[in-house]
Amino acid sequence: MVVETRYAVGDGLLLGAADHWVLTTDPHDDDVVDELWAVISRARASDVSTTEQVLAIVEKAFGGDPPALAIVVSPYTCSARGAAQTRGGMGD
């Protein structure tokens, strides 16, 4: 399987694979990025939900307090932490 990847310098990190998307403050750690990719691309099998795995990785990377994190699992599940938290429901 060929995986297309792109990189642009910035303060954030956006990873997407199929119906799983993660947007977070850049942890500046390739190992963290690799762990996140393994989870959202489903390369790492687990009985724990994708959202819970991503939360655990990002919270560990930022000492329990991620500056900004949004997780989308299509079609309609979204979780946010830090500066990415939503103020209202969908459509607000």
Protein backbone atom coordinates (compact mmCIF):
# COMPACT_ATOMS: atom_id res chain seq x y z
CA MET A 1 0.00 0.00 0.00
CA VAL A 2 1.29 3.46 -0.90
CA VAL A 3 0.68 6.15 1.71
CA GLU A 4 0.88 9.75 0.60
CA THR A 5 2.32 12.07 3.22
CA ARG A 6 2.80 15.82 3.26
CA TYR A 7 4.49 18.15 5.69
CA ALA A 8 4.25 21.89 6.21
CA VAL A 9 5.99 23.81 8.96
CA GLY A 10 3.65 25.20 11.60
CA ASP A 11 2.57 25.16 15.23
CA GLY A 12 0.09 22.33 14.78
CA LEU A 13 0.05 18.73 13.73
CA LEU A 14 -2.75 17.29 11.62
CA LEU A 15 -2.91 13.55 10.96
CA GLY A 16 -5.69 11.86 9.04
CA ALA A 17 -6.38 8.31 7.96
CA ALA A 18 -9.76 7.23 6.59
CA ASP A 19 -12.34 8.37 9.17
CA HIS A 20 -9.87 9.26 11.96
CA TRP A 21 -8.39 12.77 12.24
CA VAL A 22 -6.23 14.35 14.94
CA LEU A 23 -5.30 18.02 15.18
CA THR A 24 -3.00 18.99 18.03
CA THR A 25 -0.23 21.32 19.04
CA ASP A 26 2.99 19.98 17.51
CA PRO A 27 4.68 17.85 20.19
CA HIS A 28 8.08 18.27 18.44
CA ASP A 29 8.73 14.57 19.02
CA ASP A 30 8.87 12.12 16.11
CA ASP A 31 8.13 9.17 18.43
CA VAL A 32 4.85 10.79 19.52
CA VAL A 33 3.90 11.42 15.89
CA ASP A 34 4.72 7.80 15.02
CA GLU A 35 2.57 6.56 17.93
CA LEU A 36 -0.36 8.72 16.86
CA TRP A 37 -0.04 7.55 13.26
CA ALA A 38 0.01 3.89 14.35
CA VAL A 39 -3.24 4.44 16.25
CA ILE A 40 -5.22 6.41 13.66
CA SER A 41 -4.03 4.32 10.72
CA ARG A 42 -5.01 1.23 12.73
CA ALA A 43 -1.53 -0.25 12.33
CA ARG A 44 -1.58 -1.00 16.06
CA ALA A 45 -4.40 -3.29 17.16
CA SER A 46 -6.06 -2.54 20.49
CA ASP A 47 -9.20 -3.19 22.48
CA VAL A 48 -9.14 0.48 23.56
CA SER A 49 -10.96 3.05 21.41
CA THR A 50 -8.98 5.23 19.03
CA THR A 51 -10.06 8.34 20.94
CA GLU A 52 -8.86 6.96 24.27
CA GLN A 53 -5.52 5.91 22.76
CA VAL A 54 -4.94 9.32 21.17
CA LEU A 55 -5.85 11.10 24.41
CA ALA A 56 -3.39 8.97 26.36
CA ILE A 57 -0.54 9.61 23.89
CA VAL A 58 -1.10 13.37 23.68
CA GLU A 59 -1.67 13.85 27.41
CA LYS A 60 1.57 11.97 28.12
CA ALA A 61 3.47 14.06 25.54
CA PHE A 62 2.31 17.30 27.14
CA GLY A 63 2.53 16.28 30.79
CA GLY A 64 -1.23 15.74 31.15
CA ASP A 65 -2.26 19.11 29.71
CA PRO A 66 -2.27 19.33 25.90
CA PRO A 67 -2.36 22.97 24.72
CA ALA A 68 -4.82 22.06 21.96
CA LEU A 69 -6.27 18.76 20.75
CA ALA A 70 -9.19 17.81 18.51
CA ILE A 71 -10.04 14.24 17.57
CA VAL A 72 -12.62 13.45 14.91
CA VAL A 73 -13.90 9.96 14.27
CA SER A 74 -16.35 10.17 11.38
CA PRO A 75 -19.12 10.48 10.89
CA TYR A 76 -20.06 12.53 13.98
CA THR A 77 -17.78 12.00 16.99
CA CYS A 78 -15.49 14.81 18.08
CA SER A 79 -13.46 15.27 21.26
CA ALA A 80 -11.48 18.38 22.16
CA ARG A 81 -9.07 19.51 24.86
CA GLY A 82 -7.26 22.74 25.66
CA ALA A 83 -7.61 25.60 23.18
CA ALA A 84 -9.48 23.33 20.75
CA GLN A 85 -12.48 22.82 23.04
CA THR A 86 -15.82 23.65 21.50
CA ARG A 87 -18.23 26.18 22.97
CA GLY A 88 -21.42 24.64 21.62
CA GLY A 89 -22.86 21.63 19.85
CA MET A 90 -22.83 20.89 16.16
CA GLY A 91 -24.65 23.57 14.22
CA ASP A 92 -24.22 26.24 16.93
